[in-house]
Amino acid sequence: MTETSLRMASQHGPRTDLHRRKWLKIALWLVAATMTYNCVEAVVALWSGIAAESSVLVGFGLDSVIEFAAAGVLLWRFAAEARGEDDEVVDAREHVVHRFVGATFIALALYVSGEALATLYTQSAPQESQVGIALAVLSLLLMPAVAWGKLRAAKEVGSAALRAEAKETLACSYLSLTLLLGLAANAVADLWWADPVAALAMVPWLVKEAREALNGGGCSAEAGRG
């Protein structure tokens, strides 16, 4: 075992096969549920965002696409373990997924920054979007609970990749709040600049999580099996 694996194993204690299988199933269910929700969320957010010319709403939709892709790659990682692949194969996929999630955070941060700055420069006001506001409220209610579940599952199975993807779900929660504030400010007070400013407010979070994912976390698939 690596030093990180030993540390994680000592923190969480021994894991029985039954216990691990239980949490692996929970993790798979949560990731699959995330993929389903994000698929619907992406369609609604992109459609309503383009209609309302809202950079923060379009960015929210793209985040849903990115999170859908990250969850799909994560399922690829867990599929290897479910088939009983060697630890080396599972760990290799774990690292690929972890870095992939970090790259998606960077892609989202770049898009949001560029779109928001362009909106501020052109001073183009987005139209009101009741659909966007409703979507933001729904996501704000659902995503924190899903993220918590995945963080708990990541701890139990010892997966840094799942933990990173769970952080992306937390980012979705943050984006939901940012989206809600931006759209509500524009709808209530006609503050056209609130939308791009709200979009820029999410960038530091995205960059922080990108760096953490790319640099690796303190959790390892090997630790969960130790």
Protein backbone atom coordinates (compact mmCIF):
# COMPACT_ATOMS: atom_id res chain seq x y z
CA MET A 1 0.00 0.00 0.00
CA THR A 2 1.03 3.59 -0.53
CA GLU A 3 1.42 6.00 2.38
CA THR A 4 -1.93 7.63 1.50
CA SER A 5 -3.63 4.25 1.37
CA LEU A 6 -2.27 3.26 4.75
CA ARG A 7 -3.38 6.55 6.25
CA MET A 8 -6.89 6.21 4.86
CA ALA A 9 -7.11 2.60 5.99
CA SER A 10 -6.10 3.54 9.52
CA GLN A 11 -8.68 6.33 9.58
CA HIS A 12 -11.62 4.25 8.42
CA GLY A 13 -10.73 0.86 9.89
CA PRO A 14 -11.23 -2.52 8.22
CA ARG A 15 -13.87 -2.87 5.54
CA THR A 16 -15.73 -6.13 5.09
CA ASP A 17 -16.61 -7.25 1.57
CA LEU A 18 -20.31 -6.94 2.39
CA HIS A 19 -19.88 -3.39 3.68
CA ARG A 20 -17.92 -2.36 0.62
CA ARG A 21 -20.38 -3.94 -1.80
CA LYS A 22 -23.22 -2.11 -0.05
CA TRP A 23 -21.57 1.28 -0.44
CA LEU A 24 -20.43 0.52 -3.97
CA LYS A 25 -24.07 -0.09 -4.92
CA ILE A 26 -25.08 3.15 -3.22
CA ALA A 27 -22.34 5.00 -5.11
CA LEU A 28 -23.44 3.53 -8.43
CA TRP A 29 -27.08 4.45 -7.73
CA LEU A 30 -26.16 8.03 -6.82
CA VAL A 31 -23.97 8.47 -9.89
CA ALA A 32 -26.66 7.03 -12.16
CA ALA A 33 -29.27 9.31 -10.56
CA THR A 34 -26.95 12.27 -11.10
CA MET A 35 -26.55 11.38 -14.77
CA THR A 36 -30.32 11.15 -15.27
CA TYR A 37 -31.04 14.44 -13.54
CA ASN A 38 -28.20 16.26 -15.26
CA CYS A 39 -29.40 15.09 -18.66
CA VAL A 40 -32.81 16.70 -18.07
CA GLU A 41 -31.25 19.71 -16.35
CA ALA A 42 -28.89 20.37 -19.25
CA VAL A 43 -31.67 20.36 -21.84
CA VAL A 44 -33.88 22.70 -19.81
CA ALA A 45 -31.07 25.06 -18.78
CA LEU A 46 -29.53 25.36 -22.25
CA TRP A 47 -32.90 25.82 -23.94
CA SER A 48 -34.13 28.47 -21.50
CA GLY A 49 -30.69 30.09 -21.24
CA ILE A 50 -30.36 30.58 -24.99
CA ALA A 51 -33.92 31.89 -25.16
CA ALA A 52 -33.24 34.39 -22.34
CA GLU A 53 -29.68 35.21 -23.51
CA SER A 54 -28.47 34.38 -20.01
CA SER A 55 -24.76 33.58 -19.66
CA VAL A 56 -25.18 32.21 -16.15
CA LEU A 57 -28.07 29.96 -17.19
CA VAL A 58 -26.21 28.65 -20.25
CA GLY A 59 -23.18 28.11 -18.03
CA PHE A 60 -25.39 26.18 -15.65
CA GLY A 61 -26.55 24.00 -18.53
CA LEU A 62 -22.98 23.36 -19.64
CA ASP A 63 -22.09 22.42 -16.08
CA SER A 64 -24.85 19.83 -16.28
CA VAL A 65 -23.35 18.44 -19.50
CA ILE A 66 -19.90 18.34 -17.92
CA GLU A 67 -21.17 16.66 -14.77
CA PHE A 68 -23.05 14.14 -16.90
CA ALA A 69 -19.79 13.30 -18.69
CA ALA A 70 -17.86 13.07 -15.43
CA ALA A 71 -20.47 10.72 -13.96
CA GLY A 72 -20.30 8.57 -17.09
CA VAL A 73 -16.54 8.20 -16.79
CA LEU A 74 -16.97 7.42 -13.10
CA LEU A 75 -19.36 4.59 -13.96
CA TRP A 76 -16.64 3.27 -16.30
CA ARG A 77 -14.27 3.20 -13.31
CA PHE A 78 -16.75 1.38 -11.04
CA ALA A 79 -17.68 -1.07 -13.79
CA ALA A 80 -14.12 -2.36 -13.73
CA GLU A 81 -14.33 -3.02 -10.00
CA ALA A 82 -17.79 -4.60 -10.29
CA ARG A 83 -16.38 -7.04 -12.87
CA GLY A 84 -13.63 -8.02 -10.46
CA GLU A 85 -10.77 -6.43 -12.40
CA ASP A 86 -7.31 -6.36 -10.83
CA ASP A 87 -6.56 -3.57 -8.36
CA GLU A 88 -4.07 -2.09 -10.83
CA VAL A 89 -6.78 -1.70 -13.46
CA VAL A 90 -9.22 -0.14 -11.02
CA ASP A 91 -6.59 2.25 -9.65
CA ALA A 92 -5.55 3.27 -13.17
CA ARG A 93 -9.15 4.13 -14.02
CA GLU A 94 -9.50 5.93 -10.69
CA HIS A 95 -6.66 8.30 -11.59
CA VAL A 96 -8.01 8.87 -15.11
CA VAL A 97 -11.43 9.82 -13.78
CA HIS A 98 -9.94 12.07 -11.10
CA ARG A 99 -7.97 14.06 -13.68
CA PHE A 100 -10.89 14.11 -16.08
CA VAL A 101 -13.07 15.77 -13.44
CA GLY A 102 -10.34 18.34 -12.81
CA ALA A 103 -10.19 19.11 -16.52
CA THR A 104 -13.96 19.59 -16.66
CA PHE A 105 -13.77 22.13 -13.86
CA ILE A 106 -11.19 24.09 -15.85
CA ALA A 107 -13.29 23.95 -19.02
CA LEU A 108 -16.32 25.26 -17.17
CA ALA A 109 -14.37 28.05 -15.48
CA LEU A 110 -12.97 29.22 -18.83
CA TYR A 111 -16.36 29.24 -20.48
CA VAL A 112 -18.14 31.03 -17.65
CA SER A 113 -15.39 33.67 -17.43
CA GLY A 114 -15.37 34.36 -21.17
CA GLU A 115 -19.14 34.50 -21.54
CA ALA A 116 -19.66 36.70 -18.47
CA LEU A 117 -16.92 39.16 -19.45
CA ALA A 118 -18.33 39.40 -22.96
CA THR A 119 -21.78 40.15 -21.53
CA LEU A 120 -20.37 42.88 -19.29
CA TYR A 121 -18.51 44.39 -22.23
CA THR A 122 -21.52 44.46 -24.55
CA GLN A 123 -23.95 45.28 -21.71
CA SER A 124 -26.49 42.87 -23.17
CA ALA A 125 -29.29 42.31 -20.67
CA PRO A 126 -30.78 38.82 -20.42
CA GLN A 127 -34.53 38.39 -20.52
CA GLU A 128 -36.42 37.13 -17.50
CA SER A 129 -36.48 33.34 -17.18
CA GLN A 130 -39.08 31.86 -14.87
CA VAL A 131 -38.06 28.39 -16.06
CA GLY A 132 -34.46 29.12 -15.10
CA ILE A 133 -35.47 30.31 -11.65
CA ALA A 134 -37.59 27.21 -11.06
CA LEU A 135 -34.71 24.98 -12.24
CA ALA A 136 -32.29 26.73 -9.90
CA VAL A 137 -34.62 26.23 -6.92
CA LEU A 138 -35.09 22.53 -7.72
CA SER A 139 -31.35 21.92 -8.10
CA LEU A 140 -30.61 23.85 -4.92
CA LEU A 141 -32.96 21.54 -3.05
CA LEU A 142 -31.70 18.27 -4.56
CA MET A 143 -27.99 18.60 -5.30
CA PRO A 144 -26.62 19.20 -1.76
CA ALA A 145 -28.22 15.95 -0.56
CA VAL A 146 -26.87 14.01 -3.55
CA ALA A 147 -23.42 15.50 -3.04
CA TRP A 148 -23.43 14.55 0.64
CA GLY A 149 -24.40 11.00 -0.25
CA LYS A 150 -21.59 10.69 -2.77
CA LEU A 151 -19.05 12.17 -0.36
CA ARG A 152 -20.08 9.59 2.23
CA ALA A 153 -19.89 6.80 -0.36
CA ALA A 154 -16.47 8.03 -1.51
CA LYS A 155 -15.23 7.82 2.07
CA GLU A 156 -16.60 4.32 2.54
CA VAL A 157 -15.20 2.86 -0.70
CA GLY A 158 -12.01 4.95 -0.62
CA SER A 159 -12.45 6.60 -4.02
CA ALA A 160 -10.80 9.96 -4.67
CA ALA A 161 -12.46 10.05 -8.08
CA LEU A 162 -15.93 9.76 -6.55
CA ARG A 163 -15.04 12.41 -4.00
CA ALA A 164 -13.91 14.77 -6.76
CA GLU A 165 -17.11 14.11 -8.71
CA ALA A 166 -19.10 14.74 -5.55
CA LYS A 167 -17.36 18.10 -5.26
CA GLU A 168 -18.56 18.84 -8.78
CA THR A 169 -22.09 18.11 -7.58
CA LEU A 170 -21.44 20.62 -4.78
CA ALA A 171 -20.34 23.05 -7.47
CA CYS A 172 -23.70 22.42 -9.11
CA SER A 173 -25.34 23.43 -5.83
CA TYR A 174 -23.25 26.59 -5.73
CA LEU A 175 -24.12 27.31 -9.34
CA SER A 176 -27.79 26.84 -8.49
CA LEU A 177 -27.57 29.52 -5.80
CA THR A 178 -25.60 31.83 -8.07
CA LEU A 179 -28.05 31.26 -10.89
CA LEU A 180 -31.01 31.95 -8.63
CA LEU A 181 -29.55 35.20 -7.30
CA GLY A 182 -28.57 36.42 -10.75
CA LEU A 183 -31.88 35.66 -12.44
CA ALA A 184 -33.93 36.93 -9.51
CA ALA A 185 -32.00 40.21 -9.40
CA ASN A 186 -32.62 40.74 -13.10
CA ALA A 187 -36.31 39.80 -12.87
CA VAL A 188 -37.09 41.89 -9.77
CA ALA A 189 -34.78 44.91 -10.07
CA ASP A 190 -33.82 44.85 -13.77
CA LEU A 191 -30.14 44.59 -12.83
CA TRP A 192 -28.70 43.39 -16.16
CA TRP A 193 -25.19 43.14 -14.75
CA ALA A 194 -26.22 40.81 -11.91
CA ASP A 195 -26.26 37.83 -14.26
CA PRO A 196 -22.63 38.03 -15.50
CA VAL A 197 -21.36 39.14 -12.08
CA ALA A 198 -23.07 36.12 -10.53
CA ALA A 199 -21.41 33.97 -13.18
CA LEU A 200 -17.96 35.38 -12.37
CA ALA A 201 -18.58 34.76 -8.66
CA MET A 202 -18.56 31.02 -9.31
CA VAL A 203 -15.16 31.00 -11.04
CA PRO A 204 -12.92 30.97 -7.90
CA TRP A 205 -14.80 27.89 -6.65
CA LEU A 206 -14.38 26.14 -9.98
CA VAL A 207 -10.65 26.90 -10.15
CA LYS A 208 -10.14 25.74 -6.57
CA GLU A 209 -11.85 22.42 -7.21
CA ALA A 210 -10.00 21.99 -10.51
CA ARG A 211 -6.65 22.36 -8.78
CA GLU A 212 -7.63 19.94 -6.03
CA ALA A 213 -8.82 17.32 -8.52
CA LEU A 214 -5.77 17.63 -10.78
CA ASN A 215 -3.36 17.53 -7.85
CA GLY A 216 -5.07 14.43 -6.42
CA GLY A 217 -6.90 13.92 -3.15
CA GLY A 218 -6.18 12.10 0.05
CA CYS A 219 -8.47 9.22 -0.80
CA SER A 220 -7.56 6.12 -2.76
CA ALA A 221 -9.37 3.19 -4.24
CA GLU A 222 -6.69 0.99 -2.81
CA ALA A 223 -7.37 2.34 0.67
CA GLY A 224 -11.03 1.38 0.41
CA ARG A 225 -10.02 -2.20 -0.42
CA GLY A 226 -7.32 -2.35 2.26
